[in-house]
Protein backbone atom coordinates (compact mmCIF):
# COMPACT_ATOMS: atom_id res chain seq x y z
CA UNK A 1 0.00 0.00 0.00
CA UNK A 2 1.31 3.45 -0.91
CA UNK A 3 -0.16 5.14 2.17
CA UNK A 4 -0.99 4.17 5.73
CA UNK A 5 -3.24 5.54 8.48
CA UNK A 6 -0.79 4.25 11.11
CA UNK A 7 0.46 7.39 12.84
CA UNK A 8 4.18 6.60 12.97
CA UNK A 9 4.70 5.41 9.40
CA UNK A 10 3.93 6.52 5.84
CA UNK A 11 3.24 3.24 4.02
CA UNK A 12 2.91 -0.49 4.54
CA UNK A 13 4.53 -3.31 2.58
CA UNK A 14 3.34 -6.91 2.89
CA UNK A 15 5.44 -9.56 1.12
CA UNK A 16 3.91 -11.90 3.73
CA UNK A 17 0.30 -12.11 4.94
CA UNK A 18 -1.08 -13.95 7.93
CA UNK A 19 0.16 -15.00 11.34
CA UNK A 20 -0.62 -17.02 14.48
CA UNK A 21 -1.01 -15.89 18.07
CA UNK A 22 1.93 -16.05 20.48
CA UNK A 23 0.96 -13.92 23.49
CA UNK A 24 -1.79 -11.86 25.13
CA UNK A 25 -1.12 -8.90 22.85
CA UNK A 26 -2.38 -10.99 19.93
CA UNK A 27 -5.79 -11.73 21.46
CA UNK A 28 -7.74 -9.15 19.43
CA UNK A 29 -5.28 -8.74 16.55
CA UNK A 30 -6.35 -5.87 14.26
CA UNK A 31 -4.69 -7.51 11.24
CA UNK A 32 -6.54 -10.77 11.75
CA UNK A 33 -9.85 -8.95 12.16
CA UNK A 34 -9.29 -7.05 8.93
CA UNK A 35 -8.14 -10.04 6.89
CA UNK A 36 -10.90 -12.38 8.02
CA UNK A 37 -13.58 -9.99 6.79
CA UNK A 38 -12.61 -10.92 3.24
CA UNK A 39 -12.07 -14.67 3.60
CA UNK A 40 -13.59 -16.42 0.63
CA UNK A 41 -13.86 -13.32 -1.57
CA UNK A 42 -12.42 -14.47 -4.93
CA UNK A 43 -9.41 -12.48 -6.07
CA UNK A 44 -9.21 -10.35 -2.93
CA UNK A 45 -5.74 -10.00 -1.31
CA UNK A 46 -7.27 -11.55 1.83
CA UNK A 47 -9.21 -14.27 0.04
CA UNK A 48 -7.55 -16.78 2.38
CA UNK A 49 -8.18 -14.71 5.47
CA UNK A 50 -5.30 -14.60 7.92
CA UNK A 51 -3.72 -17.91 6.90
CA UNK A 52 0.06 -17.48 6.74
CA UNK A 53 1.36 -17.24 3.19
CA UNK A 54 4.24 -15.72 1.26
CA UNK A 55 3.49 -13.09 -1.39
CA UNK A 56 6.61 -13.09 -3.60
CA UNK A 57 4.90 -10.87 -6.18
CA UNK A 58 5.15 -8.07 -3.61
CA UNK A 59 8.85 -8.50 -2.88
CA UNK A 60 10.15 -5.83 -5.24
CA UNK A 61 7.34 -3.33 -4.69
CA UNK A 62 9.39 -0.74 -2.70
CA UNK A 63 11.98 -0.61 -5.47
CA UNK A 64 9.38 1.13 -7.65
CA UNK A 65 8.40 3.82 -5.15
CA UNK A 66 9.98 7.13 -6.12
CA UNK A 67 9.19 9.25 -3.09
CA UNK A 68 11.18 8.38 0.08
CA UNK A 69 8.97 7.16 2.88
CA UNK A 70 8.86 5.31 6.17
CA UNK A 71 7.60 1.78 5.46
CA UNK A 72 6.05 -0.52 8.05
CA UNK A 73 7.22 -3.91 6.80
CA UNK A 74 4.87 -6.89 7.23
CA UNK A 75 2.12 -4.93 8.94
CA UNK A 76 -0.17 -7.91 8.22
CA UNK A 77 2.19 -10.60 9.52
CA UNK A 78 5.35 -11.21 11.55
CA UNK A 79 8.49 -11.40 9.42
CA UNK A 80 10.14 -13.73 11.95
CA UNK A 81 7.27 -16.22 12.19
CA UNK A 82 8.72 -19.70 12.66
CA UNK A 83 7.08 -21.01 9.48
CA UNK A 84 8.65 -18.39 7.19
CA UNK A 85 11.80 -19.80 5.53
CA UNK A 86 15.03 -18.08 6.50
CA UNK A 87 15.97 -17.56 2.86
CA UNK A 88 12.71 -15.66 2.25
CA UNK A 89 13.39 -13.43 5.26
CA UNK A 90 16.82 -12.71 3.81
CA UNK A 91 15.23 -11.76 0.47
CA UNK A 92 13.04 -9.22 2.28
CA UNK A 93 16.13 -7.74 3.93
CA UNK A 94 17.98 -7.63 0.63
CA UNK A 95 15.15 -5.64 -0.94
CA UNK A 96 15.20 -3.22 2.00
CA UNK A 97 18.93 -2.80 1.55
CA UNK A 98 18.50 -2.06 -2.17
CA UNK A 99 15.60 0.36 -1.61
CA UNK A 100 17.83 2.61 0.47
CA UNK A 101 15.87 5.81 -0.19
CA UNK A 102 13.22 4.46 2.18
CA UNK A 103 13.27 3.76 5.91
CA UNK A 104 11.90 0.32 6.77
CA UNK A 105 10.30 -0.34 10.16
CA UNK A 106 10.14 -4.04 11.07
CA UNK A 107 8.25 -5.34 14.12
CA UNK A 108 8.21 -8.81 15.63
CA UNK A 109 6.94 -10.60 18.71
CA UNK A 110 9.27 -13.50 17.93
CA UNK A 111 12.47 -12.06 19.32
CA UNK A 112 14.06 -15.47 19.84
CA UNK A 113 13.94 -16.19 16.11
CA UNK A 114 15.22 -12.70 15.41
CA UNK A 115 18.26 -13.49 17.54
CA UNK A 116 18.66 -16.87 15.82
CA UNK A 117 18.76 -15.32 12.34
CA UNK A 118 20.29 -11.89 12.92
CA UNK A 119 23.82 -12.84 11.87
CA UNK A 120 22.51 -14.21 8.56
CA UNK A 121 20.93 -10.89 7.58
CA UNK A 122 22.26 -7.58 6.24
CA UNK A 123 21.63 -4.63 8.55
CA UNK A 124 21.71 -1.44 6.46
CA UNK A 125 21.14 1.87 8.22
CA UNK A 126 17.68 2.28 6.66
CA UNK A 127 16.28 -0.77 8.49
CA UNK A 128 14.83 -0.06 11.93
CA UNK A 129 14.17 -3.17 14.00
CA UNK A 130 11.51 -3.31 16.69
CA UNK A 131 9.70 -5.70 19.01
CA UNK A 132 6.13 -5.56 20.33
CA UNK A 133 5.60 -5.56 24.09
CA UNK A 134 2.16 -5.60 25.67
CA UNK A 135 2.80 -6.18 29.38
CA UNK A 136 5.40 -7.11 31.97
CA UNK A 137 5.59 -10.72 30.75
CA UNK A 138 6.85 -9.60 27.33
CA UNK A 139 9.73 -7.31 28.36
CA UNK A 140 12.27 -10.04 27.56
CA UNK A 141 11.81 -9.06 23.92
CA UNK A 142 13.44 -5.69 24.60
CA UNK A 143 16.51 -7.40 26.02
CA UNK A 144 16.69 -9.64 22.96
CA UNK A 145 16.39 -6.63 20.67
CA UNK A 146 19.35 -4.94 22.37
CA UNK A 147 21.56 -7.67 20.88
CA UNK A 148 20.53 -6.92 17.28
CA UNK A 149 22.94 -4.83 15.14
CA UNK A 150 20.24 -2.52 13.78
CA UNK A 151 20.91 1.21 13.38
CA UNK A 152 17.65 2.03 15.19
CA UNK A 153 16.00 -0.27 17.73
CA UNK A 154 12.45 0.46 18.82
CA UNK A 155 9.67 -0.87 21.02
CA UNK A 156 6.00 -0.88 20.10
CA UNK A 157 4.27 -1.04 23.47
CA UNK A 158 0.85 -1.62 22.00
CA UNK A 159 -1.67 -2.72 22.93
CA UNK A 160 -0.54 -1.75 26.41
CA UNK A 161 -2.76 -4.03 28.50
CA UNK A 162 -1.01 -3.86 31.87
CA UNK A 163 1.51 -1.85 33.87
CA UNK A 164 5.17 -2.30 33.01
CA UNK A 165 7.75 -1.73 35.71
CA UNK A 166 11.13 -0.53 34.43
CA UNK A 167 10.84 -1.18 30.73
CA UNK A 168 14.34 -2.24 29.55
CA UNK A 169 15.65 0.69 27.50
CA UNK A 170 19.31 -0.22 27.11
CA UNK A 171 20.27 0.33 23.43
CA UNK A 172 16.68 1.35 22.60
CA UNK A 173 16.20 4.49 20.48
CA UNK A 174 12.44 4.87 20.24
CA UNK A 175 9.32 3.76 22.14
CA UNK A 176 5.77 3.82 20.74
CA UNK A 177 2.91 3.42 23.23
CA UNK A 178 -0.77 2.90 22.53
CA UNK A 179 -3.92 1.47 24.01
CA UNK A 180 -6.02 -1.22 22.37
CA UNK A 181 -8.89 -0.28 20.06
CA UNK A 182 -11.98 -2.08 18.84
CA UNK A 183 -15.23 -3.33 20.34
CA UNK A 184 -13.40 -5.75 22.65
CA UNK A 185 -10.60 -3.37 23.61
CA UNK A 186 -8.99 -3.93 26.97
CA UNK A 187 -8.65 -0.56 28.74
CA UNK A 188 -5.32 1.20 29.18
CA UNK A 189 -4.68 3.21 32.35
CA UNK A 190 -3.00 6.48 31.27
CA UNK A 191 -0.69 6.07 34.25
CA UNK A 192 0.87 3.04 32.54
CA UNK A 193 1.75 5.20 29.53
CA UNK A 194 2.88 8.08 31.74
CA UNK A 195 5.30 5.80 33.59
CA UNK A 196 6.88 4.67 30.31
CA UNK A 197 7.04 8.29 29.10
CA UNK A 198 8.91 9.29 32.25
CA UNK A 199 11.39 6.42 31.85
CA UNK A 200 12.03 7.45 28.23
CA UNK A 201 12.61 11.02 29.34
CA UNK A 202 15.17 9.91 31.92
CA UNK A 203 17.02 7.75 29.40
CA UNK A 204 16.78 10.26 26.51
CA UNK A 205 14.73 7.84 24.39
CA UNK A 206 12.28 9.25 21.83
CA UNK A 207 8.64 8.70 22.90
CA UNK A 208 5.63 8.46 20.59
CA UNK A 209 2.17 8.24 22.15
CA UNK A 210 0.04 6.74 19.41
CA UNK A 211 -3.45 6.31 20.84
CA UNK A 212 -5.55 6.13 23.99
CA UNK A 213 -7.54 3.20 22.61
CA UNK A 214 -10.95 2.11 23.77
CA UNK A 215 -14.21 0.83 22.34
CA UNK A 216 -15.30 4.17 20.86
CA UNK A 217 -12.44 4.54 18.43
CA UNK A 218 -8.72 4.61 18.95
CA UNK A 219 -8.52 8.35 19.85
CA UNK A 220 -5.28 8.88 18.02
CA UNK A 221 -3.47 11.77 16.35
CA UNK A 222 -4.41 15.09 17.95
CA UNK A 223 -6.74 13.26 20.35
CA UNK A 224 -3.92 11.18 21.85
CA UNK A 225 -3.37 13.58 24.75
CA UNK A 226 -1.17 12.74 27.72
CA UNK A 227 -0.66 15.43 30.36
CA UNK A 228 -2.14 18.11 28.17
CA UNK A 229 -0.19 17.51 24.96
CA UNK A 230 0.62 15.08 22.16
CA UNK A 231 3.91 13.15 22.09
CA UNK A 232 5.18 12.49 18.57
CA UNK A 233 8.92 12.15 18.99
CA UNK A 234 11.11 10.21 16.54
CA UNK A 235 14.67 8.87 16.72
CA UNK A 236 17.34 11.43 15.90
CA UNK A 237 18.38 9.71 12.66
CA UNK A 238 15.00 10.17 10.94
CA UNK A 239 15.08 11.90 7.59
C-alpha atoms as a PDB file:
ATOM      1  CA  UNK A   1       0.000   0.000   0.000  1.00  0.00           C
ATOM      2  CA  UNK A   2       1.307   3.451  -0.907  1.00  0.00           C
ATOM      3  CA  UNK A   3      -0.157   5.142   2.174  1.00  0.00           C
ATOM      4  CA  UNK A   4      -0.995   4.165   5.734  1.00  0.00           C
ATOM      5  CA  UNK A   5      -3.241   5.539   8.481  1.00  0.00           C
ATOM      6  CA  UNK A   6      -0.789   4.251  11.109  1.00  0.00           C
ATOM      7  CA  UNK A   7       0.459   7.388  12.838  1.00  0.00           C
ATOM      8  CA  UNK A   8       4.183   6.600  12.975  1.00  0.00           C
ATOM      9  CA  UNK A   9       4.704   5.414   9.397  1.00  0.00           C
ATOM     10  CA  UNK A  10       3.931   6.518   5.835  1.00  0.00           C
ATOM     11  CA  UNK A  11       3.239   3.238   4.023  1.00  0.00           C
ATOM     12  CA  UNK A  12       2.912  -0.494   4.542  1.00  0.00           C
ATOM     13  CA  UNK A  13       4.527  -3.313   2.578  1.00  0.00           C
ATOM     14  CA  UNK A  14       3.336  -6.908   2.891  1.00  0.00           C
ATOM     15  CA  UNK A  15       5.436  -9.564   1.122  1.00  0.00           C
ATOM     16  CA  UNK A  16       3.906 -11.905   3.729  1.00  0.00           C
ATOM     17  CA  UNK A  17       0.298 -12.114   4.935  1.00  0.00           C
ATOM     18  CA  UNK A  18      -1.085 -13.949   7.933  1.00  0.00           C
ATOM     19  CA  UNK A  19       0.163 -14.997  11.341  1.00  0.00           C
ATOM     20  CA  UNK A  20      -0.620 -17.023  14.476  1.00  0.00           C
ATOM     21  CA  UNK A  21      -1.012 -15.885  18.066  1.00  0.00           C
ATOM     22  CA  UNK A  22       1.934 -16.054  20.476  1.00  0.00           C
ATOM     23  CA  UNK A  23       0.958 -13.917  23.489  1.00  0.00           C
ATOM     24  CA  UNK A  24      -1.788 -11.860  25.128  1.00  0.00           C
ATOM     25  CA  UNK A  25      -1.117  -8.898  22.851  1.00  0.00           C
ATOM     26  CA  UNK A  26      -2.384 -10.991  19.929  1.00  0.00           C
ATOM     27  CA  UNK A  27      -5.787 -11.731  21.456  1.00  0.00           C
ATOM     28  CA  UNK A  28      -7.743  -9.148  19.434  1.00  0.00           C
ATOM     29  CA  UNK A  29      -5.280  -8.736  16.552  1.00  0.00           C
ATOM     30  CA  UNK A  30      -6.348  -5.872  14.261  1.00  0.00           C
ATOM     31  CA  UNK A  31      -4.687  -7.506  11.237  1.00  0.00           C
ATOM     32  CA  UNK A  32      -6.538 -10.773  11.749  1.00  0.00           C
ATOM     33  CA  UNK A  33      -9.852  -8.955  12.163  1.00  0.00           C
ATOM     34  CA  UNK A  34      -9.291  -7.047   8.928  1.00  0.00           C
ATOM     35  CA  UNK A  35      -8.140 -10.045   6.888  1.00  0.00           C
ATOM     36  CA  UNK A  36     -10.900 -12.384   8.025  1.00  0.00           C
ATOM     37  CA  UNK A  37     -13.584  -9.989   6.791  1.00  0.00           C
ATOM     38  CA  UNK A  38     -12.610 -10.919   3.242  1.00  0.00           C
ATOM     39  CA  UNK A  39     -12.065 -14.667   3.604  1.00  0.00           C
ATOM     40  CA  UNK A  40     -13.591 -16.425   0.628  1.00  0.00           C
ATOM     41  CA  UNK A  41     -13.863 -13.319  -1.567  1.00  0.00           C
ATOM     42  CA  UNK A  42     -12.418 -14.474  -4.928  1.00  0.00           C
ATOM     43  CA  UNK A  43      -9.412 -12.479  -6.069  1.00  0.00           C
ATOM     44  CA  UNK A  44      -9.210 -10.352  -2.929  1.00  0.00           C
ATOM     45  CA  UNK A  45      -5.743  -9.996  -1.308  1.00  0.00           C
ATOM     46  CA  UNK A  46      -7.270 -11.552   1.827  1.00  0.00           C
ATOM     47  CA  UNK A  47      -9.214 -14.267   0.040  1.00  0.00           C
ATOM     48  CA  UNK A  48      -7.555 -16.784   2.378  1.00  0.00           C
ATOM     49  CA  UNK A  49      -8.183 -14.708   5.471  1.00  0.00           C
ATOM     50  CA  UNK A  50      -5.301 -14.596   7.922  1.00  0.00           C
ATOM     51  CA  UNK A  51      -3.724 -17.905   6.901  1.00  0.00           C
ATOM     52  CA  UNK A  52       0.058 -17.485   6.743  1.00  0.00           C
ATOM     53  CA  UNK A  53       1.361 -17.245   3.192  1.00  0.00           C
ATOM     54  CA  UNK A  54       4.243 -15.718   1.261  1.00  0.00           C
ATOM     55  CA  UNK A  55       3.490 -13.094  -1.395  1.00  0.00           C
ATOM     56  CA  UNK A  56       6.612 -13.094  -3.603  1.00  0.00           C
ATOM     57  CA  UNK A  57       4.898 -10.869  -6.183  1.00  0.00           C
ATOM     58  CA  UNK A  58       5.149  -8.068  -3.609  1.00  0.00           C
ATOM     59  CA  UNK A  59       8.851  -8.504  -2.880  1.00  0.00           C
ATOM     60  CA  UNK A  60      10.152  -5.826  -5.243  1.00  0.00           C
ATOM     61  CA  UNK A  61       7.338  -3.333  -4.686  1.00  0.00           C
ATOM     62  CA  UNK A  62       9.393  -0.742  -2.701  1.00  0.00           C
ATOM     63  CA  UNK A  63      11.980  -0.606  -5.475  1.00  0.00           C
ATOM     64  CA  UNK A  64       9.376   1.127  -7.655  1.00  0.00           C
ATOM     65  CA  UNK A  65       8.396   3.823  -5.146  1.00  0.00           C
ATOM     66  CA  UNK A  66       9.985   7.128  -6.122  1.00  0.00           C
ATOM     67  CA  UNK A  67       9.190   9.250  -3.086  1.00  0.00           C
ATOM     68  CA  UNK A  68      11.179   8.385   0.078  1.00  0.00           C
ATOM     69  CA  UNK A  69       8.967   7.163   2.881  1.00  0.00           C
ATOM     70  CA  UNK A  70       8.864   5.309   6.169  1.00  0.00           C
ATOM     71  CA  UNK A  71       7.597   1.781   5.456  1.00  0.00           C
ATOM     72  CA  UNK A  72       6.049  -0.520   8.053  1.00  0.00           C
ATOM     73  CA  UNK A  73       7.223  -3.909   6.797  1.00  0.00           C
ATOM     74  CA  UNK A  74       4.869  -6.885   7.225  1.00  0.00           C
ATOM     75  CA  UNK A  75       2.117  -4.934   8.941  1.00  0.00           C
ATOM     76  CA  UNK A  76      -0.175  -7.915   8.225  1.00  0.00           C
ATOM     77  CA  UNK A  77       2.192 -10.595   9.519  1.00  0.00           C
ATOM     78  CA  UNK A  78       5.348 -11.211  11.554  1.00  0.00           C
ATOM     79  CA  UNK A  79       8.489 -11.403   9.424  1.00  0.00           C
ATOM     80  CA  UNK A  80      10.140 -13.727  11.953  1.00  0.00           C
ATOM     81  CA  UNK A  81       7.273 -16.224  12.187  1.00  0.00           C
ATOM     82  CA  UNK A  82       8.718 -19.698  12.664  1.00  0.00           C
ATOM     83  CA  UNK A  83       7.079 -21.007   9.477  1.00  0.00           C
ATOM     84  CA  UNK A  84       8.647 -18.395   7.188  1.00  0.00           C
ATOM     85  CA  UNK A  85      11.802 -19.805   5.530  1.00  0.00           C
ATOM     86  CA  UNK A  86      15.033 -18.082   6.499  1.00  0.00           C
ATOM     87  CA  UNK A  87      15.972 -17.558   2.860  1.00  0.00           C
ATOM     88  CA  UNK A  88      12.715 -15.657   2.249  1.00  0.00           C
ATOM     89  CA  UNK A  89      13.385 -13.431   5.260  1.00  0.00           C
ATOM     90  CA  UNK A  90      16.816 -12.710   3.808  1.00  0.00           C
ATOM     91  CA  UNK A  91      15.227 -11.756   0.472  1.00  0.00           C
ATOM     92  CA  UNK A  92      13.042  -9.222   2.278  1.00  0.00           C
ATOM     93  CA  UNK A  93      16.126  -7.736   3.932  1.00  0.00           C
ATOM     94  CA  UNK A  94      17.977  -7.627   0.631  1.00  0.00           C
ATOM     95  CA  UNK A  95      15.145  -5.641  -0.943  1.00  0.00           C
ATOM     96  CA  UNK A  96      15.197  -3.221   2.002  1.00  0.00           C
ATOM     97  CA  UNK A  97      18.926  -2.804   1.545  1.00  0.00           C
ATOM     98  CA  UNK A  98      18.495  -2.059  -2.172  1.00  0.00           C
ATOM     99  CA  UNK A  99      15.605   0.361  -1.610  1.00  0.00           C
ATOM    100  CA  UNK A 100      17.829   2.612   0.466  1.00  0.00           C
ATOM    101  CA  UNK A 101      15.866   5.812  -0.190  1.00  0.00           C
ATOM    102  CA  UNK A 102      13.217   4.458   2.179  1.00  0.00           C
ATOM    103  CA  UNK A 103      13.274   3.765   5.907  1.00  0.00           C
ATOM    104  CA  UNK A 104      11.904   0.320   6.771  1.00  0.00           C
ATOM    105  CA  UNK A 105      10.305  -0.337  10.162  1.00  0.00           C
ATOM    106  CA  UNK A 106      10.144  -4.036  11.073  1.00  0.00           C
ATOM    107  CA  UNK A 107       8.246  -5.335  14.122  1.00  0.00           C
ATOM    108  CA  UNK A 108       8.212  -8.809  15.629  1.00  0.00           C
ATOM    109  CA  UNK A 109       6.943 -10.598  18.713  1.00  0.00           C
ATOM    110  CA  UNK A 110       9.272 -13.503  17.928  1.00  0.00           C
ATOM    111  CA  UNK A 111      12.471 -12.058  19.322  1.00  0.00           C
ATOM    112  CA  UNK A 112      14.064 -15.467  19.838  1.00  0.00           C
ATOM    113  CA  UNK A 113      13.943 -16.190  16.106  1.00  0.00           C
ATOM    114  CA  UNK A 114      15.215 -12.698  15.408  1.00  0.00           C
ATOM    115  CA  UNK A 115      18.260 -13.495  17.537  1.00  0.00           C
ATOM    116  CA  UNK A 116      18.657 -16.871  15.823  1.00  0.00           C
ATOM    117  CA  UNK A 117      18.762 -15.317  12.344  1.00  0.00           C
ATOM    118  CA  UNK A 118      20.291 -11.894  12.924  1.00  0.00           C
ATOM    119  CA  UNK A 119      23.824 -12.841  11.867  1.00  0.00           C
ATOM    120  CA  UNK A 120      22.508 -14.206   8.563  1.00  0.00           C
ATOM    121  CA  UNK A 121      20.930 -10.891   7.580  1.00  0.00           C
ATOM    122  CA  UNK A 122      22.256  -7.579   6.239  1.00  0.00           C
ATOM    123  CA  UNK A 123      21.628  -4.627   8.551  1.00  0.00           C
ATOM    124  CA  UNK A 124      21.711  -1.439   6.457  1.00  0.00           C
ATOM    125  CA  UNK A 125      21.135   1.874   8.220  1.00  0.00           C
ATOM    126  CA  UNK A 126      17.684   2.280   6.660  1.00  0.00           C
ATOM    127  CA  UNK A 127      16.281  -0.767   8.489  1.00  0.00           C
ATOM    128  CA  UNK A 128      14.830  -0.062  11.929  1.00  0.00           C
ATOM    129  CA  UNK A 129      14.173  -3.166  14.003  1.00  0.00           C
ATOM    130  CA  UNK A 130      11.507  -3.310  16.695  1.00  0.00           C
ATOM    131  CA  UNK A 131       9.703  -5.698  19.011  1.00  0.00           C
ATOM    132  CA  UNK A 132       6.135  -5.561  20.331  1.00  0.00           C
ATOM    133  CA  UNK A 133       5.603  -5.556  24.086  1.00  0.00           C
ATOM    134  CA  UNK A 134       2.160  -5.596  25.671  1.00  0.00           C
ATOM    135  CA  UNK A 135       2.799  -6.184  29.380  1.00  0.00           C
ATOM    136  CA  UNK A 136       5.404  -7.113  31.971  1.00  0.00           C
ATOM    137  CA  UNK A 137       5.587 -10.724  30.753  1.00  0.00           C
ATOM    138  CA  UNK A 138       6.848  -9.596  27.332  1.00  0.00           C
ATOM    139  CA  UNK A 139       9.726  -7.307  28.358  1.00  0.00           C
ATOM    140  CA  UNK A 140      12.274 -10.037  27.560  1.00  0.00           C
ATOM    141  CA  UNK A 141      11.812  -9.057  23.915  1.00  0.00           C
ATOM    142  CA  UNK A 142      13.438  -5.687  24.596  1.00  0.00           C
ATOM    143  CA  UNK A 143      16.509  -7.396  26.021  1.00  0.00           C
ATOM    144  CA  UNK A 144      16.687  -9.636  22.961  1.00  0.00           C
ATOM    145  CA  UNK A 145      16.388  -6.626  20.671  1.00  0.00           C
ATOM    146  CA  UNK A 146      19.345  -4.935  22.370  1.00  0.00           C
ATOM    147  CA  UNK A 147      21.564  -7.673  20.877  1.00  0.00           C
ATOM    148  CA  UNK A 148      20.531  -6.923  17.284  1.00  0.00           C
ATOM    149  CA  UNK A 149      22.938  -4.828  15.139  1.00  0.00           C
ATOM    150  CA  UNK A 150      20.244  -2.520  13.781  1.00  0.00           C
ATOM    151  CA  UNK A 151      20.910   1.214  13.376  1.00  0.00           C
ATOM    152  CA  UNK A 152      17.654   2.031  15.192  1.00  0.00           C
ATOM    153  CA  UNK A 153      16.000  -0.270  17.732  1.00  0.00           C
ATOM    154  CA  UNK A 154      12.455   0.460  18.817  1.00  0.00           C
ATOM    155  CA  UNK A 155       9.666  -0.870  21.018  1.00  0.00           C
ATOM    156  CA  UNK A 156       5.995  -0.881  20.102  1.00  0.00           C
ATOM    157  CA  UNK A 157       4.271  -1.038  23.471  1.00  0.00           C
ATOM    158  CA  UNK A 158       0.853  -1.625  21.998  1.00  0.00           C
ATOM    159  CA  UNK A 159      -1.670  -2.719  22.929  1.00  0.00           C
ATOM    160  CA  UNK A 160      -0.543  -1.749  26.412  1.00  0.00           C
ATOM    161  CA  UNK A 161      -2.756  -4.033  28.496  1.00  0.00           C
ATOM    162  CA  UNK A 162      -1.008  -3.865  31.870  1.00  0.00           C
ATOM    163  CA  UNK A 163       1.509  -1.846  33.866  1.00  0.00           C
ATOM    164  CA  UNK A 164       5.166  -2.305  33.014  1.00  0.00           C
ATOM    165  CA  UNK A 165       7.752  -1.726  35.707  1.00  0.00           C
ATOM    166  CA  UNK A 166      11.133  -0.532  34.434  1.00  0.00           C
ATOM    167  CA  UNK A 167      10.841  -1.184  30.731  1.00  0.00           C
ATOM    168  CA  UNK A 168      14.336  -2.238  29.547  1.00  0.00           C
ATOM    169  CA  UNK A 169      15.648   0.693  27.499  1.00  0.00           C
ATOM    170  CA  UNK A 170      19.311  -0.219  27.110  1.00  0.00           C
ATOM    171  CA  UNK A 171      20.273   0.328  23.434  1.00  0.00           C
ATOM    172  CA  UNK A 172      16.679   1.355  22.599  1.00  0.00           C
ATOM    173  CA  UNK A 173      16.204   4.488  20.481  1.00  0.00           C
ATOM    174  CA  UNK A 174      12.441   4.866  20.242  1.00  0.00           C
ATOM    175  CA  UNK A 175       9.322   3.764  22.145  1.00  0.00           C
ATOM    176  CA  UNK A 176       5.772   3.821  20.738  1.00  0.00           C
ATOM    177  CA  UNK A 177       2.913   3.424  23.230  1.00  0.00           C
ATOM    178  CA  UNK A 178      -0.769   2.900  22.531  1.00  0.00           C
ATOM    179  CA  UNK A 179      -3.921   1.473  24.006  1.00  0.00           C
ATOM    180  CA  UNK A 180      -6.017  -1.220  22.369  1.00  0.00           C
ATOM    181  CA  UNK A 181      -8.889  -0.281  20.059  1.00  0.00           C
ATOM    182  CA  UNK A 182     -11.978  -2.085  18.836  1.00  0.00           C
ATOM    183  CA  UNK A 183     -15.227  -3.334  20.336  1.00  0.00           C
ATOM    184  CA  UNK A 184     -13.403  -5.746  22.651  1.00  0.00           C
ATOM    185  CA  UNK A 185     -10.600  -3.374  23.612  1.00  0.00           C
ATOM    186  CA  UNK A 186      -8.987  -3.925  26.970  1.00  0.00           C
ATOM    187  CA  UNK A 187      -8.646  -0.555  28.744  1.00  0.00           C
ATOM    188  CA  UNK A 188      -5.317   1.204  29.185  1.00  0.00           C
ATOM    189  CA  UNK A 189      -4.683   3.209  32.346  1.00  0.00           C
ATOM    190  CA  UNK A 190      -3.000   6.483  31.274  1.00  0.00           C
ATOM    191  CA  UNK A 191      -0.693   6.067  34.251  1.00  0.00           C
ATOM    192  CA  UNK A 192       0.874   3.044  32.536  1.00  0.00           C
ATOM    193  CA  UNK A 193       1.746   5.198  29.525  1.00  0.00           C
ATOM    194  CA  UNK A 194       2.879   8.082  31.745  1.00  0.00           C
ATOM    195  CA  UNK A 195       5.301   5.801  33.593  1.00  0.00           C
ATOM    196  CA  UNK A 196       6.880   4.673  30.314  1.00  0.00           C
ATOM    197  CA  UNK A 197       7.040   8.292  29.098  1.00  0.00           C
ATOM    198  CA  UNK A 198       8.909   9.287  32.251  1.00  0.00           C
ATOM    199  CA  UNK A 199      11.395   6.415  31.849  1.00  0.00           C
ATOM    200  CA  UNK A 200      12.026   7.447  28.233  1.00  0.00           C
ATOM    201  CA  UNK A 201      12.613  11.018  29.337  1.00  0.00           C
ATOM    202  CA  UNK A 202      15.168   9.913  31.922  1.00  0.00           C
ATOM    203  CA  UNK A 203      17.022   7.747  29.399  1.00  0.00           C
ATOM    204  CA  UNK A 204      16.785  10.256  26.510  1.00  0.00           C
ATOM    205  CA  UNK A 205      14.727   7.843  24.394  1.00  0.00           C
ATOM    206  CA  UNK A 206      12.276   9.248  21.830  1.00  0.00           C
ATOM    207  CA  UNK A 207       8.644   8.703  22.903  1.00  0.00           C
ATOM    208  CA  UNK A 208       5.628   8.460  20.589  1.00  0.00           C
ATOM    209  CA  UNK A 209       2.173   8.238  22.155  1.00  0.00           C
ATOM    210  CA  UNK A 210       0.038   6.737  19.414  1.00  0.00           C
ATOM    211  CA  UNK A 211      -3.448   6.313  20.842  1.00  0.00           C
ATOM    212  CA  UNK A 212      -5.550   6.130  23.991  1.00  0.00           C
ATOM    213  CA  UNK A 213      -7.537   3.202  22.610  1.00  0.00           C
ATOM    214  CA  UNK A 214     -10.949   2.112  23.768  1.00  0.00           C
ATOM    215  CA  UNK A 215     -14.214   0.827  22.337  1.00  0.00           C
ATOM    216  CA  UNK A 216     -15.304   4.165  20.859  1.00  0.00           C
ATOM    217  CA  UNK A 217     -12.438   4.536  18.432  1.00  0.00           C
ATOM    218  CA  UNK A 218      -8.722   4.615  18.954  1.00  0.00           C
ATOM    219  CA  UNK A 219      -8.519   8.353  19.848  1.00  0.00           C
ATOM    220  CA  UNK A 220      -5.279   8.881  18.016  1.00  0.00           C
ATOM    221  CA  UNK A 221      -3.465  11.769  16.352  1.00  0.00           C
ATOM    222  CA  UNK A 222      -4.411  15.091  17.949  1.00  0.00           C
ATOM    223  CA  UNK A 223      -6.741  13.261  20.349  1.00  0.00           C
ATOM    224  CA  UNK A 224      -3.922  11.181  21.855  1.00  0.00           C
ATOM    225  CA  UNK A 225      -3.367  13.581  24.747  1.00  0.00           C
ATOM    226  CA  UNK A 226      -1.169  12.737  27.724  1.00  0.00           C
ATOM    227  CA  UNK A 227      -0.656  15.428  30.359  1.00  0.00           C
ATOM    228  CA  UNK A 228      -2.136  18.109  28.166  1.00  0.00           C
ATOM    229  CA  UNK A 229      -0.191  17.509  24.959  1.00  0.00           C
ATOM    230  CA  UNK A 230       0.622  15.080  22.164  1.00  0.00           C
ATOM    231  CA  UNK A 231       3.911  13.153  22.091  1.00  0.00           C
ATOM    232  CA  UNK A 232       5.182  12.492  18.574  1.00  0.00           C
ATOM    233  CA  UNK A 233       8.925  12.152  18.986  1.00  0.00           C
ATOM    234  CA  UNK A 234      11.110  10.207  16.539  1.00  0.00           C
ATOM    235  CA  UNK A 235      14.670   8.867  16.724  1.00  0.00           C
ATOM    236  CA  UNK A 236      17.341  11.425  15.903  1.00  0.00           C
ATOM    237  CA  UNK A 237      18.384   9.707  12.662  1.00  0.00           C
ATOM    238  CA  UNK A 238      15.003  10.166  10.937  1.00  0.00           C
ATOM    239  CA  UNK A 239      15.079  11.905   7.591  1.00  0.00           C
END
